[in-house]
N, C-alpha and C. Protein backbone atom coordinates (compact mmCIF):
# COMPACT_ATOMS: atom_id res chain seq x y z
N MET A 1 87.16 84.89 81.41
CA MET A 1 87.75 86.21 81.95
C MET A 1 87.10 86.68 83.17
N GLU A 2 85.71 86.46 83.27
CA GLU A 2 85.26 86.73 84.62
C GLU A 2 85.69 86.17 85.76
N ASN A 3 85.90 84.92 85.50
CA ASN A 3 86.70 84.23 86.77
C ASN A 3 88.02 84.70 86.90
N THR A 4 88.89 85.17 86.10
CA THR A 4 90.00 85.56 86.45
C THR A 4 90.29 86.96 87.05
N ALA A 5 89.18 87.73 86.77
CA ALA A 5 88.96 89.07 87.36
C ALA A 5 88.75 88.71 88.73
N PHE A 6 87.59 88.07 88.73
CA PHE A 6 87.31 87.85 90.44
C PHE A 6 88.17 87.22 91.05
N LEU A 7 88.77 86.20 90.57
CA LEU A 7 90.30 85.80 91.54
C LEU A 7 91.33 86.95 91.93
N ASP A 8 91.47 87.79 90.87
CA ASP A 8 92.25 88.96 90.91
C ASP A 8 92.29 89.75 91.96
N GLN A 9 90.56 90.19 91.75
CA GLN A 9 90.13 90.98 92.91
C GLN A 9 90.30 90.56 94.23
N ILE A 10 89.96 89.26 94.33
CA ILE A 10 89.95 88.42 95.96
C ILE A 10 91.65 88.42 96.38
N THR A 11 92.43 88.16 95.69
CA THR A 11 93.80 88.33 95.79
C THR A 11 94.34 89.63 95.97
N GLY A 12 94.08 90.48 95.71
CA GLY A 12 94.29 91.87 95.43
C GLY A 12 93.71 92.14 96.94
N GLY A 13 92.35 91.80 97.01
CA GLY A 13 91.79 92.52 98.82
C GLY A 13 92.33 91.68 99.59
N LEU A 14 92.94 90.49 99.51
CA LEU A 14 93.61 89.84 100.75
C LEU A 14 95.02 90.41 100.96
N ALA A 15 95.52 90.84 99.78
CA ALA A 15 96.99 91.37 100.12
C ALA A 15 97.02 92.73 100.73
N VAL A 16 95.82 93.54 100.44
CA VAL A 16 95.76 94.81 101.09
C VAL A 16 95.34 94.44 102.42
N ALA A 17 94.26 93.79 102.72
CA ALA A 17 93.97 93.42 104.13
C ALA A 17 95.23 93.14 105.24
N ILE A 18 95.99 91.96 104.32
CA ILE A 18 97.21 91.49 105.06
C ILE A 18 98.10 92.67 105.58
N PHE A 19 98.52 93.80 104.17
CA PHE A 19 99.34 94.53 104.53
C PHE A 19 98.92 96.08 105.71
N VAL A 20 97.49 95.82 105.45
CA VAL A 20 96.82 97.11 106.53
C VAL A 20 96.83 96.33 107.89
N GLY A 21 96.85 95.17 108.04
CA GLY A 21 96.62 94.44 109.41
C GLY A 21 98.30 94.49 109.97
N GLY A 22 99.39 94.36 108.75
CA GLY A 22 100.55 94.09 109.42
C GLY A 22 100.89 95.78 110.03
N MET A 23 100.60 96.75 109.38
CA MET A 23 100.99 98.09 109.59
C MET A 23 100.11 98.26 110.90
N LEU A 24 99.14 97.80 111.35
CA LEU A 24 98.16 98.16 112.46
C LEU A 24 98.87 97.59 113.46
N MET A 25 99.06 96.37 113.36
CA MET A 25 99.73 95.56 114.44
C MET A 25 101.40 96.28 114.97
N MET A 26 101.89 96.78 113.94
CA MET A 26 103.29 97.58 113.91
C MET A 26 102.95 98.84 114.64
N PHE A 27 101.93 99.30 114.44
CA PHE A 27 101.60 100.55 115.18
C PHE A 27 101.10 100.57 116.72
N THR A 28 100.53 99.59 116.55
CA THR A 28 100.03 99.21 118.17
C THR A 28 100.94 98.63 119.14
N THR A 29 101.85 98.01 118.32
CA THR A 29 103.09 97.52 119.24
C THR A 29 104.05 98.89 119.97
N ILE A 30 104.41 99.50 118.60
CA ILE A 30 105.31 100.93 119.04
C ILE A 30 104.24 101.55 119.70
N PHE A 31 103.01 101.82 119.91
CA PHE A 31 102.20 102.54 120.60
C PHE A 31 102.35 102.48 122.53
N THR A 32 102.27 100.85 122.40
CA THR A 32 101.90 100.31 123.59
C THR A 32 103.55 100.50 124.17
N SER A 33 104.73 100.09 123.62
CA SER A 33 105.68 99.89 123.81
C SER A 33 105.92 101.53 124.38
N LYS A 34 105.71 102.34 123.86
CA LYS A 34 105.87 104.02 124.21
C LYS A 34 105.45 103.89 125.59
N LYS A 35 104.16 103.56 125.79
CA LYS A 35 103.43 104.03 126.80
C LYS A 35 103.83 103.40 128.17
């Protein structure tokens, strides 16, 4: 049980990190092209 929860947390954190990273990269690209 504990192991699954731990793995679940890591997977969720990774997904959030990738999502935020993609949004940041998109935002920077748009911001730089506008400049």
